[in-house]
Amino acid sequence: MLDRLADIYNMVKVWWKKNHDSIFLGISLLFVVVLGTGILRLWMLMEAKKPVQFIDSNGEVASHSILHQRYMQASGLPGLVAASRNGKRYYYPWCGGLKQIKEKNLVWFDTEQEAERRGYTIAKGCEGL
């Protein structure tokens, strides 16, 4: 039995010595093809990605400020983001951390930039859409 295993080992060893260059070249070529395909797919996805535009009833592209006003009217909320007077983080209305802030401590801001100018930073896990 050991002789048979030794024979198989020697056969594999001889085969490897004869073919290791070809095997290395084949694996390298396969790696380059897979890597190239992945890069090509990523490039195609990035090229196809276009910004979302909202068209208003006049057929024109709606500006960010108009969309913001419409959201504020439709939501009935006093602002886009909220924070605690005592905290350092701000939250969007759909974030769970906002529910833990008492109503009397809530401070609402119309924009993220306004909250950041006041020293607040976005809460972890609440980075938006």
Foldseek 3Di string as FASTA:
>chain_A
DVVVVVVVVVVVVVVCVVCVVVVVVVVVVVVVVVVVVVVVVVVVVVVPDDDDFDADPVRHTDDPVVVLVVCCVVVVDPAQWKDFQPDQAIAGPPDPVVVVHDPVRIDHHHDPVVSVVVRHYHDPPHPDD
